[in-house]
Each structure stands twice: as C-alpha cells, then as structure tokens.
C-alpha cells in the first residue's frame, strides 16, 4: 500500500522538478527591521557581529507582548513605530 501511494504522488507531479527560488540576501538593518527593532537601532561591530546580535536578541515587539500583562500595562502599537 505504501508503494501505491508513492507512485500516485509522483505521477501527479509530472516530470519537471519543482522550481527552487533564488536565495535572498538581506542586510543587518533589514534583519533588525524584520525582528521589530527601530529603524535607526545602533548595531555595533562588523556584519557578522551585527547578525549575531540580531539573532540572539529578543524582538522588542515580542518582549512587549510577553511583559505587558505582568507589568499591568496595555501594549500600544504606537509604541513600536518601525518607520524605515
């Protein structure tokens, strides 16, 4: 039964392999924006160090959502302006 299911799936796909999109490279500035850091956040160091900082950081918007109930405050979306 497993072999029948596999044959059915390959027959539906046709003979062309699926298209693979080209990789996209982003800057540390763009990575910071994606993680909800302010547009002019002062990242330090070289490119690799900046990406490390971004990857290791807790995104500000996530931190706000997690902490707001414990601090007894209402999270205001205007507190997180991400103007580029």
PDB file of N, CA and C in Angstrom:
ATOM      1  N   UNK A   1       0.818  -1.189   0.000  1.00  0.00           N
ATOM      2  CA  UNK A   1       0.000   0.000   0.000  1.00  0.00           C
ATOM      3  C   UNK A   1       0.866   1.259   0.000  1.00  0.00           C
ATOM      4  N   UNK A   2       1.957   1.267   0.732  1.00  0.00           N
ATOM      5  CA  UNK A   2       2.843   2.423   0.767  1.00  0.00           C
ATOM      6  C   UNK A   2       3.409   2.718  -0.629  1.00  0.00           C
ATOM      7  N   UNK A   3       3.793   1.668  -1.352  1.00  0.00           N
ATOM      8  CA  UNK A   3       4.328   1.866  -2.699  1.00  0.00           C
ATOM      9  C   UNK A   3       3.277   2.429  -3.647  1.00  0.00           C
ATOM     10  N   UNK A   4       2.041   1.999  -3.528  1.00  0.00           N
ATOM     11  CA  UNK A   4       0.976   2.528  -4.385  1.00  0.00           C
ATOM     12  C   UNK A   4       0.784   4.017  -4.145  1.00  0.00           C
ATOM     13  N   UNK A   5       0.820   4.436  -2.899  1.00  0.00           N
ATOM     14  CA  UNK A   5       0.627   5.846  -2.574  1.00  0.00           C
ATOM     15  C   UNK A   5       1.769   6.680  -3.139  1.00  0.00           C
ATOM     16  N   UNK A   6       2.973   6.186  -3.044  1.00  0.00           N
ATOM     17  CA  UNK A   6       4.128   6.908  -3.556  1.00  0.00           C
ATOM     18  C   UNK A   6       4.048   7.044  -5.072  1.00  0.00           C
ATOM     19  N   UNK A   7       3.667   6.002  -5.762  1.00  0.00           N
ATOM     20  CA  UNK A   7       3.545   6.045  -7.216  1.00  0.00           C
ATOM     21  C   UNK A   7       2.479   7.054  -7.622  1.00  0.00           C
ATOM     22  N   UNK A   8       1.414   7.129  -6.866  1.00  0.00           N
ATOM     23  CA  UNK A   8       0.341   8.064  -7.164  1.00  0.00           C
ATOM     24  C   UNK A   8       0.847   9.512  -7.030  1.00  0.00           C
ATOM     25  N   UNK A   9       1.642   9.789  -5.986  1.00  0.00           N
ATOM     26  CA  UNK A   9       2.143  11.143  -5.766  1.00  0.00           C
ATOM     27  C   UNK A   9       3.112  11.571  -6.847  1.00  0.00           C
ATOM     28  N   UNK A  10       3.992  10.674  -7.284  1.00  0.00           N
ATOM     29  CA  UNK A  10       4.953  11.046  -8.317  1.00  0.00           C
ATOM     30  C   UNK A  10       4.279  11.212  -9.663  1.00  0.00           C
ATOM     31  N   UNK A  11       3.240  10.471  -9.928  1.00  0.00           N
ATOM     32  CA  UNK A  11       2.537  10.600 -11.205  1.00  0.00           C
ATOM     33  C   UNK A  11       1.819  11.945 -11.295  1.00  0.00           C
ATOM     34  N   UNK A  12       1.344  12.468 -10.165  1.00  0.00           N
ATOM     35  CA  UNK A  12       0.634  13.747 -10.174  1.00  0.00           C
ATOM     36  C   UNK A  12       1.558  14.934 -10.396  1.00  0.00           C
ATOM     37  N   UNK A  13       2.819  14.815 -10.063  1.00  0.00           N
ATOM     38  CA  UNK A  13       3.752  15.936 -10.154  1.00  0.00           C
ATOM     39  C   UNK A  13       4.235  16.195 -11.573  1.00  0.00           C
ATOM     40  N   UNK A  14       4.199  15.245 -12.428  1.00  0.00           N
ATOM     41  CA  UNK A  14       4.760  15.424 -13.758  1.00  0.00           C
ATOM     42  C   UNK A  14       6.237  15.096 -13.758  1.00  0.00           C
ATOM     43  N   UNK A  15       6.921  15.474 -14.833  1.00  0.00           N
ATOM     44  CA  UNK A  15       8.331  15.115 -14.963  1.00  0.00           C
ATOM     45  C   UNK A  15       9.270  16.243 -14.578  1.00  0.00           C
ATOM     46  N   UNK A  16       8.803  17.492 -14.521  1.00  0.00           N
ATOM     47  CA  UNK A  16       9.676  18.609 -14.170  1.00  0.00           C
ATOM     48  C   UNK A  16       9.830  18.720 -12.657  1.00  0.00           C
ATOM     49  N   UNK A  17      11.064  18.914 -12.190  1.00  0.00           N
ATOM     50  CA  UNK A  17      11.242  19.101 -10.742  1.00  0.00           C
ATOM     51  C   UNK A  17      10.655  20.455 -10.327  1.00  0.00           C
ATOM     52  N   UNK A  18      10.273  20.606  -9.072  1.00  0.00           N
ATOM     53  CA  UNK A  18       9.710  21.884  -8.638  1.00  0.00           C
ATOM     54  C   UNK A  18      10.742  23.003  -8.735  1.00  0.00           C
ATOM     55  N   UNK A  19      10.278  24.189  -9.043  1.00  0.00           N
ATOM     56  CA  UNK A  19      11.170  25.344  -9.153  1.00  0.00           C
ATOM     57  C   UNK A  19      11.666  25.739  -7.767  1.00  0.00           C
ATOM     58  N   UNK A  20      12.944  26.054  -7.679  1.00  0.00           N
ATOM     59  CA  UNK A  20      13.541  26.478  -6.423  1.00  0.00           C
ATOM     60  C   UNK A  20      13.820  27.971  -6.532  1.00  0.00           C
ATOM     61  N   UNK A  21      13.260  28.778  -5.616  1.00  0.00           N
ATOM     62  CA  UNK A  21      13.500  30.219  -5.711  1.00  0.00           C
ATOM     63  C   UNK A  21      14.950  30.572  -5.415  1.00  0.00           C
ATOM     64  N   UNK A  22      15.399  31.669  -5.983  1.00  0.00           N
ATOM     65  CA  UNK A  22      16.755  32.150  -5.733  1.00  0.00           C
ATOM     66  C   UNK A  22      16.845  32.644  -4.289  1.00  0.00           C
ATOM     67  N   UNK A  23      17.973  32.420  -3.621  1.00  0.00           N
ATOM     68  CA  UNK A  23      18.111  32.920  -2.244  1.00  0.00           C
ATOM     69  C   UNK A  23      18.121  34.448  -2.231  1.00  0.00           C
ATOM     70  N   UNK A  24      17.636  35.006  -1.140  1.00  0.00           N
ATOM     71  CA  UNK A  24      17.602  36.455  -0.975  1.00  0.00           C
ATOM     72  C   UNK A  24      18.582  36.826   0.125  1.00  0.00           C
ATOM     73  N   UNK A  25      19.406  37.809  -0.126  1.00  0.00           N
ATOM     74  CA  UNK A  25      20.337  38.293   0.893  1.00  0.00           C
ATOM     75  C   UNK A  25      19.773  39.586   1.462  1.00  0.00           C
ATOM     76  N   UNK A  26      19.782  39.679   2.781  1.00  0.00           N
ATOM     77  CA  UNK A  26      19.311  40.892   3.419  1.00  0.00           C
ATOM     78  C   UNK A  26      20.439  41.497   4.236  1.00  0.00           C
ATOM     79  N   UNK A  27      20.322  42.786   4.498  1.00  0.00           N
ATOM     80  CA  UNK A  27      21.328  43.476   5.303  1.00  0.00           C
ATOM     81  C   UNK A  27      20.989  43.301   6.782  1.00  0.00           C
ATOM     82  N   UNK A  28      21.938  43.648   7.641  1.00  0.00           N
ATOM     83  CA  UNK A  28      21.686  43.598   9.082  1.00  0.00           C
ATOM     84  C   UNK A  28      20.573  44.584   9.432  1.00  0.00           C
ATOM     85  N   UNK A  29      20.544  45.721   8.777  1.00  0.00           N
ATOM     86  CA  UNK A  29      19.483  46.712   9.004  1.00  0.00           C
ATOM     87  C   UNK A  29      18.113  46.099   8.702  1.00  0.00           C
ATOM     88  N   UNK A  30      17.998  45.416   7.571  1.00  0.00           N
ATOM     89  CA  UNK A  30      16.728  44.776   7.197  1.00  0.00           C
ATOM     90  C   UNK A  30      16.367  43.653   8.168  1.00  0.00           C
ATOM     91  N   UNK A  31      17.356  42.889   8.602  1.00  0.00           N
ATOM     92  CA  UNK A  31      17.096  41.807   9.568  1.00  0.00           C
ATOM     93  C   UNK A  31      16.580  42.388  10.883  1.00  0.00           C
ATOM     94  N   UNK A  32      17.147  43.510  11.301  1.00  0.00           N
ATOM     95  CA  UNK A  32      16.682  44.168  12.516  1.00  0.00           C
ATOM     96  C   UNK A  32      15.246  44.638  12.385  1.00  0.00           C
ATOM     97  N   UNK A  33      14.896  45.189  11.228  1.00  0.00           N
ATOM     98  CA  UNK A  33      13.511  45.631  10.992  1.00  0.00           C
ATOM     99  C   UNK A  33      12.552  44.446  11.028  1.00  0.00           C
ATOM    100  N   UNK A  34      12.958  43.330  10.426  1.00  0.00           N
ATOM    101  CA  UNK A  34      12.112  42.142  10.447  1.00  0.00           C
ATOM    102  C   UNK A  34      11.884  41.643  11.867  1.00  0.00           C
ATOM    103  N   UNK A  35      12.842  41.890  12.755  1.00  0.00           N
ATOM    104  CA  UNK A  35      12.726  41.465  14.146  1.00  0.00           C
ATOM    105  C   UNK A  35      12.086  42.551  15.026  1.00  0.00           C
ATOM    106  N   UNK A  36      11.526  43.573  14.413  1.00  0.00           N
ATOM    107  CA  UNK A  36      10.811  44.693  15.050  1.00  0.00           C
ATOM    108  C   UNK A  36      11.706  45.659  15.818  1.00  0.00           C
ATOM    109  N   UNK A  37      12.999  45.730  15.494  1.00  0.00           N
ATOM    110  CA  UNK A  37      13.846  46.752  16.093  1.00  0.00           C
ATOM    111  C   UNK A  37      13.597  48.073  15.379  1.00  0.00           C
ATOM    112  N   UNK A  38      13.781  49.201  16.076  1.00  0.00           N
ATOM    113  CA  UNK A  38      13.598  50.507  15.431  1.00  0.00           C
ATOM    114  C   UNK A  38      14.540  50.653  14.237  1.00  0.00           C
ATOM    115  N   UNK A  39      14.109  51.448  13.264  1.00  0.00           N
ATOM    116  CA  UNK A  39      14.871  51.603  12.022  1.00  0.00           C
ATOM    117  C   UNK A  39      16.294  52.115  12.260  1.00  0.00           C
ATOM    118  N   UNK A  40      16.487  52.936  13.260  1.00  0.00           N
ATOM    119  CA  UNK A  40      17.814  53.522  13.489  1.00  0.00           C
ATOM    120  C   UNK A  40      18.503  52.925  14.713  1.00  0.00           C
ATOM    121  N   UNK A  41      18.222  51.641  14.991  1.00  0.00           N
ATOM    122  CA  UNK A  41      18.859  50.990  16.124  1.00  0.00           C
ATOM    123  C   UNK A  41      20.370  50.916  15.878  1.00  0.00           C
ATOM    124  N   UNK A  42      21.197  51.263  16.877  1.00  0.00           N
ATOM    125  CA  UNK A  42      22.655  51.323  16.666  1.00  0.00           C
ATOM    126  C   UNK A  42      23.355  49.961  16.813  1.00  0.00           C
ATOM    127  N   UNK A  43      23.295  49.141  15.790  1.00  0.00           N
ATOM    128  CA  UNK A  43      24.003  47.856  15.835  1.00  0.00           C
ATOM    129  C   UNK A  43      25.497  48.130  15.855  1.00  0.00           C
ATOM    130  N   UNK A  44      26.253  47.310  16.564  1.00  0.00           N
ATOM    131  CA  UNK A  44      27.692  47.520  16.707  1.00  0.00           C
ATOM    132  C   UNK A  44      28.469  46.373  16.069  1.00  0.00           C
ATOM    133  N   UNK A  45      29.710  46.669  15.697  1.00  0.00           N
ATOM    134  CA  UNK A  45      30.598  45.638  15.178  1.00  0.00           C
ATOM    135  C   UNK A  45      30.498  45.455  13.675  1.00  0.00           C
ATOM    136  N   UNK A  46      31.170  44.393  13.199  1.00  0.00           N
ATOM    137  CA  UNK A  46      31.142  44.107  11.763  1.00  0.00           C
ATOM    138  C   UNK A  46      29.832  43.396  11.399  1.00  0.00           C
ATOM    139  N   UNK A  47      29.677  43.083  10.127  1.00  0.00           N
ATOM    140  CA  UNK A  47      28.419  42.487   9.659  1.00  0.00           C
ATOM    141  C   UNK A  47      28.077  41.197  10.400  1.00  0.00           C
ATOM    142  N   UNK A  48      29.042  40.338  10.591  1.00  0.00           N
ATOM    143  CA  UNK A  48      28.792  39.076  11.291  1.00  0.00           C
ATOM    144  C   UNK A  48      28.374  39.294  12.736  1.00  0.00           C
ATOM    145  N   UNK A  49      29.028  40.239  13.403  1.00  0.00           N
ATOM    146  CA  UNK A  49      28.686  40.545  14.789  1.00  0.00           C
ATOM    147  C   UNK A  49      27.281  41.145  14.898  1.00  0.00           C
ATOM    148  N   UNK A  50      26.924  41.977  13.927  1.00  0.00           N
ATOM    149  CA  UNK A  50      25.583  42.567  13.924  1.00  0.00           C
ATOM    150  C   UNK A  50      24.513  41.495  13.741  1.00  0.00           C
ATOM    151  N   UNK A  51      24.735  40.569  12.821  1.00  0.00           N
ATOM    152  CA  UNK A  51      23.766  39.481  12.629  1.00  0.00           C
ATOM    153  C   UNK A  51      23.672  38.615  13.879  1.00  0.00           C
ATOM    154  N   UNK A  52      24.788  38.412  14.577  1.00  0.00           N
ATOM    155  CA  UNK A  52      24.765  37.653  15.836  1.00  0.00           C
ATOM    156  C   UNK A  52      23.905  38.374  16.864  1.00  0.00           C
ATOM    157  N   UNK A  53      24.088  39.684  16.988  1.00  0.00           N
ATOM    158  CA  UNK A  53      23.293  40.463  17.942  1.00  0.00           C
ATOM    159  C   UNK A  53      21.804  40.339  17.636  1.00  0.00           C
ATOM    160  N   UNK A  54      21.457  40.452  16.364  1.00  0.00           N
ATOM    161  CA  UNK A  54      20.055  40.384  15.949  1.00  0.00           C
ATOM    162  C   UNK A  54      19.494  38.990  16.209  1.00  0.00           C
ATOM    163  N   UNK A  55      20.263  37.978  15.861  1.00  0.00           N
ATOM    164  CA  UNK A  55      19.797  36.606  16.041  1.00  0.00           C
ATOM    165  C   UNK A  55      19.665  36.195  17.494  1.00  0.00           C
ATOM    166  N   UNK A  56      20.482  36.755  18.359  1.00  0.00           N
ATOM    167  CA  UNK A  56      20.446  36.390  19.776  1.00  0.00           C
ATOM    168  C   UNK A  56      19.473  37.234  20.596  1.00  0.00           C
ATOM    169  N   UNK A  57      18.995  38.327  20.018  1.00  0.00           N
ATOM    170  CA  UNK A  57      18.138  39.249  20.760  1.00  0.00           C
ATOM    171  C   UNK A  57      16.683  38.784  20.781  1.00  0.00           C
ATOM    172  N   UNK A  58      15.971  39.202  21.809  1.00  0.00           N
ATOM    173  CA  UNK A  58      14.522  39.007  21.859  1.00  0.00           C
ATOM    174  C   UNK A  58      13.911  40.181  21.107  1.00  0.00           C
ATOM    175  N   UNK A  59      13.098  39.918  20.071  1.00  0.00           N
ATOM    176  CA  UNK A  59      12.498  41.030  19.325  1.00  0.00           C
ATOM    177  C   UNK A  59      11.690  41.941  20.259  1.00  0.00           C
ATOM    178  N   UNK A  60      11.853  43.258  20.143  1.00  0.00           N
ATOM    179  CA  UNK A  60      11.170  44.184  21.047  1.00  0.00           C
ATOM    180  C   UNK A  60       9.649  44.011  21.110  1.00  0.00           C
ATOM    181  N   UNK A  61       9.011  43.788  19.983  1.00  0.00           N
ATOM    182  CA  UNK A  61       7.559  43.639  19.998  1.00  0.00           C
ATOM    183  C   UNK A  61       7.139  42.376  20.752  1.00  0.00           C
ATOM    184  N   UNK A  62       7.888  41.299  20.585  1.00  0.00           N
ATOM    185  CA  UNK A  62       7.607  40.073  21.328  1.00  0.00           C
ATOM    186  C   UNK A  62       7.806  40.306  22.824  1.00  0.00           C
ATOM    187  N   UNK A  63       8.899  40.964  23.182  1.00  0.00           N
ATOM    188  CA  UNK A  63       9.165  41.248  24.594  1.00  0.00           C
ATOM    189  C   UNK A  63       8.031  42.088  25.188  1.00  0.00           C
ATOM    190  N   UNK A  64       7.556  43.064  24.428  1.00  0.00           N
ATOM    191  CA  UNK A  64       6.460  43.901  24.899  1.00  0.00           C
ATOM    192  C   UNK A  64       5.196  43.096  25.151  1.00  0.00           C
ATOM    193  N   UNK A  65       4.873  42.202  24.222  1.00  0.00           N
ATOM    194  CA  UNK A  65       3.675  41.363  24.385  1.00  0.00           C
ATOM    195  C   UNK A  65       3.807  40.414  25.571  1.00  0.00           C
ATOM    196  N   UNK A  66       4.999  39.913  25.806  1.00  0.00           N
ATOM    197  CA  UNK A  66       5.203  38.984  26.912  1.00  0.00           C
ATOM    198  C   UNK A  66       5.196  39.693  28.271  1.00  0.00           C
ATOM    199  N   UNK A  67       5.750  40.893  28.324  1.00  0.00           N
ATOM    200  CA  UNK A  67       5.891  41.593  29.599  1.00  0.00           C
ATOM    201  C   UNK A  67       4.679  42.428  29.991  1.00  0.00           C
ATOM    202  N   UNK A  68       3.942  42.938  29.014  1.00  0.00           N
ATOM    203  CA  UNK A  68       2.835  43.858  29.317  1.00  0.00           C
ATOM    204  C   UNK A  68       1.859  43.312  30.357  1.00  0.00           C
ATOM    205  N   UNK A  69       1.375  42.081  30.243  1.00  0.00           N
ATOM    206  CA  UNK A  69       0.420  41.596  31.248  1.00  0.00           C
ATOM    207  C   UNK A  69       1.025  41.507  32.652  1.00  0.00           C
ATOM    208  N   UNK A  70       2.295  41.199  32.741  1.00  0.00           N
ATOM    209  CA  UNK A  70       2.948  41.058  34.041  1.00  0.00           C
ATOM    210  C   UNK A  70       3.250  42.411  34.685  1.00  0.00           C
ATOM    211  N   UNK A  71       3.369  43.438  33.827  1.00  0.00           N
ATOM    212  CA  UNK A  71       3.624  44.782  34.343  1.00  0.00           C
ATOM    213  C   UNK A  71       2.336  45.561  34.538  1.00  0.00           C
ATOM    214  N   UNK A  72       1.212  44.966  34.130  1.00  0.00           N
ATOM    215  CA  UNK A  72      -0.076  45.626  34.280  1.00  0.00           C
ATOM    216  C   UNK A  72      -0.269  46.809  33.350  1.00  0.00           C
ATOM    217  N   UNK A  73       0.357  46.758  32.174  1.00  0.00           N
ATOM    218  CA  UNK A  73       0.210  47.850  31.203  1.00  0.00           C
ATOM    219  C   UNK A  73      -0.450  47.327  29.935  1.00  0.00           C
ATOM    220  N   UNK A  74      -1.078  48.236  29.215  1.00  0.00           N
ATOM    221  CA  UNK A  74      -1.670  47.891  27.928  1.00  0.00           C
ATOM    222  C   UNK A  74      -0.651  48.186  26.843  1.00  0.00           C
ATOM    223  N   UNK A  75      -0.453  47.252  25.956  1.00  0.00           N
ATOM    224  CA  UNK A  75       0.506  47.433  24.875  1.00  0.00           C
ATOM    225  C   UNK A  75      -0.121  48.303  23.793  1.00  0.00           C
ATOM    226  N   UNK A  76       0.508  49.414  23.509  1.00  0.00           N
ATOM    227  CA  UNK A  76       0.031  50.340  22.490  1.00  0.00           C
ATOM    228  C   UNK A  76       0.871  50.141  21.228  1.00  0.00           C
ATOM    229  N   UNK A  77       0.239  49.795  20.099  1.00  0.00           N
ATOM    230  CA  UNK A  77       1.011  49.576  18.860  1.00  0.00           C
ATOM    231  C   UNK A  77       1.839  50.799  18.451  1.00  0.00           C
ATOM    232  N   UNK A  78       1.418  51.994  18.853  1.00  0.00           N
ATOM    233  CA  UNK A  78       2.178  53.196  18.502  1.00  0.00           C
ATOM    234  C   UNK A  78       3.519  53.262  19.245  1.00  0.00           C
ATOM    235  N   UNK A  79       3.670  52.465  20.283  1.00  0.00           N
ATOM    236  CA  UNK A  79       4.952  52.437  20.999  1.00  0.00           C
ATOM    237  C   UNK A  79       6.037  51.754  20.180  1.00  0.00           C
ATOM    238  N   UNK A  80       5.650  51.068  19.127  1.00  0.00           N
ATOM    239  CA  UNK A  80       6.597  50.308  18.306  1.00  0.00           C
ATOM    240  C   UNK A  80       6.574  50.788  16.870  1.00  0.00           C
ATOM    241  N   UNK A  81       6.954  52.032  16.664  1.00  0.00           N
ATOM    242  CA  UNK A  81       6.989  52.595  15.325  1.00  0.00           C
ATOM    243  C   UNK A  81       8.217  52.036  14.598  1.00  0.00           C
ATOM    244  N   UNK A  82       7.980  51.491  13.409  1.00  0.00           N
ATOM    245  CA  UNK A  82       9.072  50.856  12.660  1.00  0.00           C
ATOM    246  C   UNK A  82       9.371  51.610  11.366  1.00  0.00           C
ATOM    247  N   UNK A  83       9.243  52.908  11.372  1.00  0.00           N
ATOM    248  CA  UNK A  83       9.468  53.686  10.151  1.00  0.00           C
ATOM    249  C   UNK A  83      10.892  53.486   9.659  1.00  0.00           C
ATOM    250  N   UNK A  84      11.017  53.123   8.402  1.00  0.00           N
ATOM    251  CA  UNK A  84      12.346  52.846   7.839  1.00  0.00           C
ATOM    252  C   UNK A  84      13.033  54.088   7.342  1.00  0.00           C
TER     253      UNK A  84
END
